[in-house]
Amino acid sequence: VRNVGVILGVTASTSLFFGLLFLSAARCCAAPVQ
């Protein structure tokens, strides 16, 4: 497989994006509780 670096890069950026999205959503959901 030649495009291992490309696949890893896309996977890393996608997981990072969803991680930030999850953190922001958790922060917004947790704010009214406090």
C-alpha atoms as a PDB file:
ATOM      1  CA  VAL A   1       0.000   0.000   0.000  1.00  0.00           C
ATOM      2  CA  ARG A   2       1.523   3.309  -1.053  1.00  0.00           C
ATOM      3  CA  ASN A   3      -0.807   5.823   0.546  1.00  0.00           C
ATOM      4  CA  VAL A   4      -0.352   4.721   4.149  1.00  0.00           C
ATOM      5  CA  GLY A   5       0.836   8.193   5.147  1.00  0.00           C
ATOM      6  CA  VAL A   6      -2.161   9.829   3.488  1.00  0.00           C
ATOM      7  CA  ILE A   7      -4.589   7.426   5.165  1.00  0.00           C
ATOM      8  CA  LEU A   8      -2.929   7.974   8.551  1.00  0.00           C
ATOM      9  CA  GLY A   9      -3.022  11.736   8.062  1.00  0.00           C
ATOM     10  CA  VAL A  10      -6.714  11.738   7.156  1.00  0.00           C
ATOM     11  CA  THR A  11      -7.543   9.411  10.047  1.00  0.00           C
ATOM     12  CA  ALA A  12      -5.601  11.543  12.524  1.00  0.00           C
ATOM     13  CA  SER A  13      -7.188  14.807  11.354  1.00  0.00           C
ATOM     14  CA  THR A  14     -10.661  13.255  11.376  1.00  0.00           C
ATOM     15  CA  SER A  15     -10.249  11.830  14.878  1.00  0.00           C
ATOM     16  CA  LEU A  16      -8.847  15.171  16.058  1.00  0.00           C
ATOM     17  CA  PHE A  17     -11.816  17.020  14.545  1.00  0.00           C
ATOM     18  CA  PHE A  18     -14.354  14.694  16.167  1.00  0.00           C
ATOM     19  CA  GLY A  19     -12.458  14.892  19.461  1.00  0.00           C
ATOM     20  CA  LEU A  20     -12.670  18.692  19.492  1.00  0.00           C
ATOM     21  CA  LEU A  21     -16.334  18.498  18.468  1.00  0.00           C
ATOM     22  CA  PHE A  22     -17.043  16.061  21.310  1.00  0.00           C
ATOM     23  CA  LEU A  23     -15.193  18.231  23.837  1.00  0.00           C
ATOM     24  CA  SER A  24     -17.073  21.375  22.784  1.00  0.00           C
ATOM     25  CA  ALA A  25     -20.400  19.524  22.906  1.00  0.00           C
ATOM     26  CA  ALA A  26     -19.600  18.104  26.347  1.00  0.00           C
ATOM     27  CA  ARG A  27     -18.596  21.574  27.553  1.00  0.00           C
ATOM     28  CA  CYS A  28     -21.849  23.094  26.262  1.00  0.00           C
ATOM     29  CA  CYS A  29     -23.917  20.302  27.809  1.00  0.00           C
ATOM     30  CA  ALA A  30     -22.090  20.500  31.144  1.00  0.00           C
ATOM     31  CA  ALA A  31     -22.299  24.309  31.453  1.00  0.00           C
ATOM     32  CA  PRO A  32     -26.042  24.558  32.367  1.00  0.00           C
ATOM     33  CA  VAL A  33     -25.650  21.774  34.932  1.00  0.00           C
ATOM     34  CA  GLN A  34     -23.053  23.720  36.877  1.00  0.00           C
END
